[in-house]
Amino acid sequence: MKKNYKIDVDCAACADKMEVAARKTDGVKNAIVNFMTLKMTVEFEEGADIKSVMQNVRTNCRKVEDDCEVYI
């Protein structure tokens, strides 16, 4: 399953860091961040608890870019 999320980030380099952090999160099959539209598309692994996974994505993204936001 794929879902889109609105994000808030200041630069393209930071968006790239967020994408890498999201991809490394357990339960995420793939993640793509589009800096121009300020959206993150997340593809979840089968059977993943989406709400829990997205909380972890948000936490992981803030570890690499502390002033970013993922609206879940």
C-alpha atoms as a PDB file:
ATOM      1  CA  MET A   1       0.000   0.000   0.000  1.00  0.00           C
ATOM      2  CA  LYS A   2       1.193   3.512  -0.852  1.00  0.00           C
ATOM      3  CA  LYS A   3       0.217   6.691   0.956  1.00  0.00           C
ATOM      4  CA  ASN A   4       1.132  10.346   0.444  1.00  0.00           C
ATOM      5  CA  TYR A   5       2.044  12.706   3.268  1.00  0.00           C
ATOM      6  CA  LYS A   6       2.594  16.443   3.379  1.00  0.00           C
ATOM      7  CA  ILE A   7       6.023  17.446   4.651  1.00  0.00           C
ATOM      8  CA  ASP A   8       7.750  20.652   5.678  1.00  0.00           C
ATOM      9  CA  VAL A   9      11.453  20.928   4.901  1.00  0.00           C
ATOM     10  CA  ASP A  10      13.711  23.868   4.009  1.00  0.00           C
ATOM     11  CA  CYS A  11      16.005  22.558   1.282  1.00  0.00           C
ATOM     12  CA  ALA A  12      16.454  19.799  -1.282  1.00  0.00           C
ATOM     13  CA  ALA A  13      19.475  18.336   0.533  1.00  0.00           C
ATOM     14  CA  CYS A  14      17.415  18.014   3.706  1.00  0.00           C
ATOM     15  CA  ALA A  15      14.617  16.360   1.718  1.00  0.00           C
ATOM     16  CA  ASP A  16      17.148  13.801   0.450  1.00  0.00           C
ATOM     17  CA  LYS A  17      18.206  13.056   4.044  1.00  0.00           C
ATOM     18  CA  MET A  18      14.555  12.557   4.973  1.00  0.00           C
ATOM     19  CA  GLU A  19      14.052  10.162   2.060  1.00  0.00           C
ATOM     20  CA  VAL A  20      17.026   8.030   3.103  1.00  0.00           C
ATOM     21  CA  ALA A  21      15.880   7.986   6.744  1.00  0.00           C
ATOM     22  CA  ALA A  22      12.343   6.996   5.736  1.00  0.00           C
ATOM     23  CA  ARG A  23      13.603   4.168   3.510  1.00  0.00           C
ATOM     24  CA  LYS A  24      15.638   2.730   6.392  1.00  0.00           C
ATOM     25  CA  THR A  25      12.589   2.557   8.668  1.00  0.00           C
ATOM     26  CA  ASP A  26      11.249  -0.910   9.454  1.00  0.00           C
ATOM     27  CA  GLY A  27       7.948  -1.493   7.670  1.00  0.00           C
ATOM     28  CA  VAL A  28       8.777   0.827   4.759  1.00  0.00           C
ATOM     29  CA  LYS A  29       9.248  -0.846   1.392  1.00  0.00           C
ATOM     30  CA  ASN A  30      10.101   2.409  -0.410  1.00  0.00           C
ATOM     31  CA  ALA A  31       9.884   6.145   0.169  1.00  0.00           C
ATOM     32  CA  ILE A  32      10.138   9.072  -2.226  1.00  0.00           C
ATOM     33  CA  VAL A  33      10.349  12.714  -1.157  1.00  0.00           C
ATOM     34  CA  ASN A  34       9.469  15.419  -3.656  1.00  0.00           C
ATOM     35  CA  PHE A  35      10.923  18.713  -2.461  1.00  0.00           C
ATOM     36  CA  MET A  36       9.073  20.766  -5.093  1.00  0.00           C
ATOM     37  CA  THR A  37       5.621  19.582  -3.988  1.00  0.00           C
ATOM     38  CA  LEU A  38       6.602  19.026  -0.317  1.00  0.00           C
ATOM     39  CA  LYS A  39       5.181  15.508  -0.354  1.00  0.00           C
ATOM     40  CA  MET A  40       6.459  12.136   0.746  1.00  0.00           C
ATOM     41  CA  THR A  41       5.134   8.946  -0.830  1.00  0.00           C
ATOM     42  CA  VAL A  42       5.600   5.907   1.364  1.00  0.00           C
ATOM     43  CA  GLU A  43       5.087   2.324   0.222  1.00  0.00           C
ATOM     44  CA  PHE A  44       4.574   0.009   3.171  1.00  0.00           C
ATOM     45  CA  GLU A  45       5.584  -3.608   3.545  1.00  0.00           C
ATOM     46  CA  GLU A  46       2.703  -6.055   3.561  1.00  0.00           C
ATOM     47  CA  GLY A  47       1.088  -6.375   6.986  1.00  0.00           C
ATOM     48  CA  ALA A  48       2.805  -3.286   8.423  1.00  0.00           C
ATOM     49  CA  ASP A  49       0.984  -1.176  11.015  1.00  0.00           C
ATOM     50  CA  ILE A  50       0.886   2.073   9.038  1.00  0.00           C
ATOM     51  CA  LYS A  51       0.295   4.362  12.009  1.00  0.00           C
ATOM     52  CA  SER A  52       3.197   2.892  13.979  1.00  0.00           C
ATOM     53  CA  VAL A  53       5.515   2.867  10.967  1.00  0.00           C
ATOM     54  CA  MET A  54       4.776   6.526  10.229  1.00  0.00           C
ATOM     55  CA  GLN A  55       5.529   7.510  13.826  1.00  0.00           C
ATOM     56  CA  ASN A  56       8.921   5.827  13.362  1.00  0.00           C
ATOM     57  CA  VAL A  57       9.417   7.542   9.983  1.00  0.00           C
ATOM     58  CA  ARG A  58       8.768  10.924  11.628  1.00  0.00           C
ATOM     59  CA  THR A  59      11.224  10.130  14.440  1.00  0.00           C
ATOM     60  CA  ASN A  60      13.905   8.933  12.023  1.00  0.00           C
ATOM     61  CA  CYS A  61      13.494  11.969   9.781  1.00  0.00           C
ATOM     62  CA  ARG A  62      13.876  14.307  12.760  1.00  0.00           C
ATOM     63  CA  LYS A  63      17.097  12.543  13.718  1.00  0.00           C
ATOM     64  CA  VAL A  64      18.702  13.592  10.422  1.00  0.00           C
ATOM     65  CA  GLU A  65      16.911  16.936  10.049  1.00  0.00           C
ATOM     66  CA  ASP A  66      15.569  18.287  13.335  1.00  0.00           C
ATOM     67  CA  ASP A  67      13.454  21.102  11.881  1.00  0.00           C
ATOM     68  CA  CYS A  68      11.539  18.950   9.369  1.00  0.00           C
ATOM     69  CA  GLU A  69       7.943  17.815   9.750  1.00  0.00           C
ATOM     70  CA  VAL A  70       5.946  14.894   8.396  1.00  0.00           C
ATOM     71  CA  TYR A  71       2.205  15.439   8.778  1.00  0.00           C
ATOM     72  CA  ILE A  72       0.498  12.150   9.569  1.00  0.00           C
END
